[in-house]
Amino acid sequence: MKKHVTIGTRGSRLALWQAGWVREELMRRRPGLTISLEVIKTSGDRITDVPLAKVGGKGLFVKEIEEALLAGSIDLAVHSMKDMPGEMPDGLWIASIPLRETPWDMMITRDGRKAEELPEGAVVGTSSLRRGSQLLNFRPDLSIVALRGNLDTRLKKLETENLDAIVLAAAGLKRLGMAEAGRAAEIDPGIVLPAVGQGALCIETRADDEGVNELVRTIHDEPSAVAVTAERAFLKLLQGGCQVPIAAYGSFDSPGKIHLTGLVAETDGSIVLKDAITGDAAEGEAIGETLARRLIERGAAEIVERLIAQAGSPDEPIQS
């Protein structure tokens, strides 16, 4: 096993916290090991003035890091699982998924109001079509506006852009100690179902790097991995990306049984196709695929194909 390992990460405050947490956990388990962080700027970090749905598919926040991993300039990468595409590049794999943090979304207001308590016509900022579509399905009177930037930037925009509320992942806020009492309220998952893998970290490595793979497995959490695997199988079969409101969450209601809820929606919330399934945890991937097929039979494929076509090819140049 190497005595020094390099972790590739984005440079945002949250990404650095996540990579730093992984570094400390690994070094605690392997005394004598040193680990450094290599900050890599991704396409998603560079393009901040265009809504995610207009930029392209999933992979915006991982592509350049994966290229460094394949080139051997880093030994492992730490990502937010919700940023990971369904397909992995040849030679790379998800080697470890640590214990998952809270998967829900959180609404931030100046006075801690919940979604159902916002005033008529309230303006809500979010970078996610998934969040916006579900909020509009719940409250058609809301006005949803695009909101990009890191956590600090988006929190500031609550004040500077005269927004009534913004919606962020609870996991990131909690990791950074920013889930302020009196301003933040978790959104009922019956109103907004989380993104695939939300709250989970992804540790990506080269599949043939046995030493690093053995190392990162020391912080692997199997129940979190089973749930995320089912959610990702659901996403992969639907072939959706940032251009399509897709959500899924797997939980364990009884030992050995996973309960998976998933949805596909129109961006304006006018249609939300939602279903749930329960099955053996050992069959998580098959359960995710089965749930996706159920929604496909109800018209999900047509929604996905149309929204992707409307957004344009990911290879088209960005018009800023």
Protein backbone atom coordinates (compact mmCIF):
# COMPACT_ATOMS: atom_id res chain seq x y z
CA MET A 1 0.00 0.00 0.00
CA LYS A 2 1.22 3.50 -0.84
CA LYS A 3 2.42 5.71 2.01
CA HIS A 4 0.99 8.80 0.31
CA VAL A 5 -2.34 9.18 -1.47
CA THR A 6 -3.76 12.12 -3.42
CA ILE A 7 -7.48 12.91 -3.39
CA GLY A 8 -9.01 14.86 -6.27
CA THR A 9 -11.79 17.27 -5.38
CA ARG A 10 -13.61 20.38 -6.50
CA GLY A 11 -12.63 23.59 -4.77
CA SER A 12 -15.93 24.67 -3.23
CA ARG A 13 -16.18 24.94 0.52
CA LEU A 14 -18.49 21.92 0.66
CA ALA A 15 -16.35 19.80 -1.66
CA LEU A 16 -13.25 20.57 0.41
CA TRP A 17 -15.10 19.67 3.60
CA GLN A 18 -16.17 16.35 2.09
CA ALA A 19 -12.69 15.51 0.80
CA GLY A 20 -11.17 16.59 4.11
CA TRP A 21 -13.56 14.35 6.02
CA VAL A 22 -12.59 11.38 3.84
CA ARG A 23 -8.89 12.19 4.33
CA GLU A 24 -9.21 12.29 8.12
CA GLU A 25 -11.24 9.08 8.26
CA LEU A 26 -8.74 7.20 6.10
CA MET A 27 -5.71 8.50 7.99
CA ARG A 28 -7.34 7.53 11.28
CA ARG A 29 -7.71 3.97 10.03
CA ARG A 30 -4.21 3.79 8.53
CA PRO A 31 -1.67 5.44 10.88
CA GLY A 32 1.41 6.57 8.98
CA LEU A 33 -0.52 7.27 5.78
CA THR A 34 -0.36 10.82 4.43
CA ILE A 35 -3.03 12.22 2.15
CA SER A 36 -3.07 15.46 0.16
CA LEU A 37 -5.91 17.19 -1.67
CA GLU A 38 -5.67 18.22 -5.33
CA VAL A 39 -8.23 20.86 -6.29
CA ILE A 40 -9.55 20.45 -9.83
CA LYS A 41 -11.89 22.94 -11.50
CA THR A 42 -14.74 21.30 -13.40
CA SER A 43 -16.98 22.52 -16.20
CA GLY A 44 -19.78 23.00 -13.71
CA ASP A 45 -17.55 25.29 -11.64
CA ARG A 46 -16.55 27.39 -14.64
CA ILE A 47 -20.04 27.89 -16.05
CA THR A 48 -21.99 29.74 -13.36
CA ASP A 49 -24.24 32.07 -15.36
CA VAL A 50 -26.27 29.41 -17.21
CA PRO A 51 -28.97 27.15 -15.67
CA LEU A 52 -27.75 23.57 -15.24
CA ALA A 53 -30.48 22.28 -17.55
CA LYS A 54 -29.04 24.39 -20.38
CA VAL A 55 -25.43 23.36 -19.82
CA GLY A 56 -25.74 19.65 -20.50
CA GLY A 57 -26.21 16.31 -18.82
CA LYS A 58 -24.81 14.87 -15.62
CA GLY A 59 -21.03 14.80 -15.35
CA LEU A 60 -20.48 18.55 -15.30
CA PHE A 61 -18.97 18.39 -11.84
CA VAL A 62 -16.91 15.21 -12.24
CA LYS A 63 -15.51 14.94 -15.79
CA GLU A 64 -12.19 16.75 -15.28
CA ILE A 65 -11.63 14.96 -11.97
CA GLU A 66 -12.22 11.60 -13.65
CA GLU A 67 -9.73 12.54 -16.36
CA ALA A 68 -7.10 13.21 -13.68
CA LEU A 69 -7.91 9.87 -12.07
CA LEU A 70 -7.50 8.01 -15.35
CA ALA A 71 -4.24 9.87 -16.02
CA GLY A 72 -2.88 8.78 -12.63
CA SER A 73 -2.30 12.29 -11.26
CA ILE A 74 -4.68 11.54 -8.37
CA ASP A 75 -5.39 8.24 -6.59
CA LEU A 76 -9.04 8.69 -5.73
CA ALA A 77 -11.82 11.23 -6.13
CA VAL A 78 -14.47 12.38 -3.68
CA HIS A 79 -17.76 13.53 -5.24
CA SER A 80 -21.28 14.27 -4.12
CA MET A 81 -23.12 11.15 -5.29
CA LYS A 82 -25.97 13.20 -6.79
CA ASP A 83 -23.45 14.65 -9.30
CA MET A 84 -22.51 11.21 -10.67
CA PRO A 85 -23.77 10.11 -14.10
CA GLY A 86 -25.38 6.69 -14.40
CA GLU A 87 -22.58 5.44 -16.69
CA MET A 88 -18.99 5.18 -15.44
CA PRO A 89 -15.90 5.66 -17.65
CA ASP A 90 -14.01 2.48 -18.51
CA GLY A 91 -11.44 1.73 -15.84
CA LEU A 92 -13.17 3.65 -13.05
CA TRP A 93 -15.68 2.52 -10.47
CA ILE A 94 -17.44 3.57 -7.28
CA ALA A 95 -15.24 1.86 -4.71
CA SER A 96 -16.86 3.13 -1.52
CA ILE A 97 -19.99 4.90 -0.28
CA PRO A 98 -19.66 6.13 3.33
CA LEU A 99 -22.61 6.49 5.71
CA ARG A 100 -25.20 8.72 4.10
CA GLU A 101 -26.12 12.10 5.57
CA THR A 102 -29.69 13.44 5.61
CA PRO A 103 -31.05 13.05 2.04
CA TRP A 104 -33.82 15.66 2.22
CA ASP A 105 -34.00 19.15 0.80
CA MET A 106 -34.18 22.20 3.02
CA MET A 107 -36.02 25.49 2.53
CA ILE A 108 -34.25 28.63 3.75
CA THR A 109 -36.29 31.76 4.44
CA ARG A 110 -35.71 34.83 6.54
CA ASP A 111 -38.09 33.55 9.22
CA GLY A 112 -38.04 29.75 8.88
CA ARG A 113 -41.33 29.33 7.02
CA LYS A 114 -42.16 25.96 5.49
CA ALA A 115 -43.20 25.50 1.85
CA GLU A 116 -46.88 25.41 2.77
CA GLU A 117 -46.51 28.65 4.74
CA LEU A 118 -45.02 30.82 1.98
CA PRO A 119 -47.17 33.77 0.87
CA GLU A 120 -49.18 33.64 -2.35
CA GLY A 121 -46.88 34.11 -5.37
CA ALA A 122 -43.70 33.73 -3.31
CA VAL A 123 -40.42 33.75 -5.29
CA VAL A 124 -38.27 30.67 -4.68
CA GLY A 125 -34.70 30.26 -5.93
CA THR A 126 -33.35 26.85 -6.88
CA SER A 127 -30.83 25.49 -9.38
CA SER A 128 -32.76 22.23 -9.70
CA LEU A 129 -35.59 21.39 -12.11
CA ARG A 130 -36.39 18.48 -9.79
CA ARG A 131 -37.03 20.81 -6.86
CA GLY A 132 -38.83 23.43 -8.92
CA SER A 133 -41.22 21.02 -10.62
CA GLN A 134 -42.26 19.36 -7.38
CA LEU A 135 -42.76 22.67 -5.60
CA LEU A 136 -44.93 23.89 -8.49
CA ASN A 137 -46.95 20.67 -8.35
CA PHE A 138 -47.53 21.34 -4.64
CA ARG A 139 -47.95 25.14 -4.96
CA PRO A 140 -48.70 26.24 -8.57
CA ASP A 141 -48.79 29.87 -7.41
CA LEU A 142 -45.06 29.94 -6.60
CA SER A 143 -42.58 31.68 -8.89
CA ILE A 144 -39.42 29.59 -9.40
CA VAL A 145 -36.22 31.40 -10.43
CA ALA A 146 -32.86 29.91 -11.38
CA LEU A 147 -30.19 30.07 -8.69
CA ARG A 148 -26.55 29.05 -9.30
CA GLY A 149 -23.41 29.32 -7.21
CA ASN A 150 -21.91 27.69 -4.13
CA LEU A 151 -23.76 27.52 -0.82
CA ASP A 152 -22.46 30.85 0.46
CA THR A 153 -23.37 32.60 -2.80
CA ARG A 154 -26.87 31.18 -2.88
CA LEU A 155 -27.52 32.06 0.75
CA LYS A 156 -26.46 35.66 0.06
CA LYS A 157 -28.82 35.82 -2.92
CA LEU A 158 -31.74 35.19 -0.57
CA GLU A 159 -31.16 38.75 0.60
CA THR A 160 -29.62 40.48 -2.42
CA GLU A 161 -32.13 39.24 -5.02
CA ASN A 162 -35.21 39.75 -2.86
CA LEU A 163 -36.20 36.09 -2.79
CA ASP A 164 -38.79 34.71 -0.40
CA ALA A 165 -37.00 31.37 -0.11
CA ILE A 166 -34.23 29.21 -1.54
CA VAL A 167 -33.98 25.42 -1.57
CA LEU A 168 -30.75 23.56 -0.88
CA ALA A 169 -29.69 20.03 0.07
CA ALA A 170 -29.88 19.57 3.82
CA ALA A 171 -26.73 17.43 3.80
CA GLY A 172 -24.45 20.21 2.59
CA LEU A 173 -25.91 22.72 5.02
CA LYS A 174 -25.48 20.33 7.92
CA ARG A 175 -21.93 19.37 6.98
CA LEU A 176 -20.92 23.02 6.97
CA GLY A 177 -22.93 23.94 10.05
CA MET A 178 -25.13 26.28 8.03
CA ALA A 179 -28.56 24.82 8.79
CA GLU A 180 -29.43 27.82 10.91
CA ALA A 181 -32.16 27.37 13.48
CA GLY A 182 -35.04 29.73 12.77
CA ARG A 183 -34.28 30.05 9.05
CA ALA A 184 -34.04 26.47 7.76
CA ALA A 185 -36.78 23.84 7.58
CA GLU A 186 -36.55 20.40 6.00
CA ILE A 187 -39.07 19.90 3.20
CA ASP A 188 -41.40 16.94 3.64
CA PRO A 189 -40.26 14.26 1.11
CA GLY A 190 -43.93 13.88 0.23
CA ILE A 191 -43.64 17.37 -1.24
CA VAL A 192 -40.12 17.20 -2.70
CA LEU A 193 -38.47 13.82 -3.18
CA PRO A 194 -34.65 14.06 -3.14
CA ALA A 195 -32.22 13.60 -6.01
CA VAL A 196 -30.72 10.21 -6.70
CA GLY A 197 -27.87 9.71 -4.23
CA GLN A 198 -28.51 12.98 -2.39
CA GLY A 199 -26.71 13.11 0.96
CA ALA A 200 -24.25 10.35 -0.01
CA LEU A 201 -20.58 10.69 -0.90
CA CYS A 202 -19.00 8.82 -3.80
CA ILE A 203 -15.39 7.66 -3.59
CA GLU A 204 -14.27 6.89 -7.12
CA THR A 205 -11.06 5.01 -7.91
CA ARG A 206 -9.32 3.12 -10.68
CA ALA A 207 -10.85 -0.34 -10.70
CA ASP A 208 -7.46 -2.07 -10.83
CA ASP A 209 -5.84 -0.11 -7.97
CA GLU A 210 -6.12 -2.82 -5.34
CA GLY A 211 -4.31 -0.95 -2.59
CA VAL A 212 -6.44 2.19 -2.81
CA ASN A 213 -9.62 0.14 -3.22
CA GLU A 214 -8.84 -1.80 -0.06
CA LEU A 215 -8.14 1.46 1.77
CA VAL A 216 -11.39 3.22 0.87
CA ARG A 217 -13.49 0.16 1.66
CA THR A 218 -12.64 0.76 5.32
CA ILE A 219 -15.16 3.62 5.35
CA HIS A 220 -17.81 1.92 3.20
CA ASP A 221 -21.38 1.66 4.54
CA GLU A 222 -23.30 -1.18 2.92
CA PRO A 223 -26.90 -0.05 3.71
CA SER A 224 -26.16 3.37 2.19
CA ALA A 225 -24.64 1.66 -0.84
CA VAL A 226 -27.65 -0.63 -1.33
CA ALA A 227 -30.07 2.31 -1.29
CA VAL A 228 -27.93 4.42 -3.63
CA THR A 229 -27.45 1.48 -6.02
CA ALA A 230 -31.23 1.06 -6.34
CA GLU A 231 -31.71 4.79 -6.93
CA ARG A 232 -28.94 4.91 -9.55
CA ALA A 233 -30.38 1.89 -11.38
CA PHE A 234 -33.69 3.79 -11.57
CA LEU A 235 -31.92 6.85 -13.00
CA LYS A 236 -29.76 4.88 -15.43
CA LEU A 237 -32.69 3.10 -17.08
CA LEU A 238 -34.55 6.40 -17.50
CA GLN A 239 -31.39 7.97 -19.01
CA GLY A 240 -32.19 11.35 -17.51
CA GLY A 241 -29.84 14.14 -16.54
CA CYS A 242 -30.00 17.72 -15.29
CA GLN A 243 -32.52 18.54 -18.03
CA VAL A 244 -35.20 16.28 -16.53
CA PRO A 245 -36.90 16.37 -13.10
CA ILE A 246 -36.10 12.89 -11.77
CA ALA A 247 -36.00 11.87 -8.12
CA ALA A 248 -35.64 8.65 -6.12
CA TYR A 249 -35.07 7.58 -2.55
CA GLY A 250 -34.45 4.15 -1.07
CA SER A 251 -35.09 3.31 2.60
CA PHE A 252 -35.27 0.22 4.78
CA ASP A 253 -38.66 -0.26 6.43
CA SER A 254 -37.83 -3.75 7.66
CA PRO A 255 -34.67 -5.91 7.82
CA GLY A 256 -33.53 -7.04 4.40
CA LYS A 257 -36.25 -5.09 2.56
CA ILE A 258 -35.70 -1.89 0.59
CA HIS A 259 -38.51 0.54 -0.18
CA LEU A 260 -37.83 2.67 -3.25
CA THR A 261 -39.86 5.70 -4.31
CA GLY A 262 -39.21 7.39 -7.65
CA LEU A 263 -40.68 10.08 -9.87
CA VAL A 264 -40.40 11.83 -13.22
CA ALA A 265 -42.08 15.19 -13.73
CA GLU A 266 -42.79 17.94 -16.21
CA THR A 267 -40.69 21.00 -15.45
CA ASP A 268 -43.78 23.10 -14.71
CA GLY A 269 -45.13 20.53 -12.26
CA SER A 270 -48.26 19.94 -14.33
CA ILE A 271 -47.52 16.20 -14.42
CA VAL A 272 -45.72 14.18 -11.74
CA LEU A 273 -45.41 10.45 -12.35
CA LYS A 274 -44.65 8.82 -9.02
CA ASP A 275 -44.58 5.23 -7.77
CA ALA A 276 -42.97 3.05 -5.11
CA ILE A 277 -41.84 -0.54 -4.77
CA THR A 278 -40.58 -2.79 -1.97
CA GLY A 279 -38.33 -5.82 -2.39
CA ASP A 280 -35.28 -7.71 -1.19
CA ALA A 281 -32.33 -5.42 -0.50
CA ALA A 282 -30.05 -7.90 -2.27
CA GLU A 283 -31.95 -7.13 -5.48
CA GLY A 284 -31.60 -3.35 -5.22
CA GLU A 285 -30.47 -2.81 -8.79
CA ALA A 286 -33.30 -4.90 -10.22
CA ILE A 287 -35.79 -3.08 -8.00
CA GLY A 288 -34.62 0.27 -9.35
CA GLU A 289 -35.00 -0.94 -12.92
CA THR A 290 -38.47 -2.36 -12.23
CA LEU A 291 -39.65 0.93 -10.77
CA ALA A 292 -38.26 2.82 -13.78
CA ARG A 293 -40.13 0.51 -16.16
CA ARG A 294 -43.37 1.14 -14.28
CA LEU A 295 -43.01 4.87 -14.85
CA ILE A 296 -41.94 4.34 -18.47
CA GLU A 297 -45.20 2.46 -19.02
CA ARG A 298 -47.03 5.53 -17.68
CA GLY A 299 -45.28 7.94 -20.06
CA ALA A 300 -42.00 8.82 -18.36
CA ALA A 301 -39.89 8.02 -21.43
CA GLU A 302 -41.80 10.56 -23.52
CA ILE A 303 -41.22 13.27 -20.89
CA VAL A 304 -37.50 12.46 -20.66
CA GLU A 305 -36.94 12.39 -24.42
CA ARG A 306 -38.84 15.62 -25.04
CA LEU A 307 -37.12 17.58 -22.27
CA ILE A 308 -33.67 16.45 -23.36
CA ALA A 309 -34.46 17.40 -26.96
CA GLN A 310 -35.75 20.82 -25.85
CA ALA A 311 -32.60 21.47 -23.82
CA GLY A 312 -30.40 20.72 -26.83
CA SER A 313 -27.40 18.46 -27.17
CA PRO A 314 -24.85 18.59 -24.31
CA ASP A 315 -22.23 19.05 -27.02
CA GLU A 316 -23.71 22.32 -28.23
CA PRO A 317 -21.71 25.43 -27.26
CA ILE A 318 -22.99 27.35 -24.25
CA GLN A 319 -24.48 30.74 -25.06
CA SER A 320 -23.82 32.88 -22.01
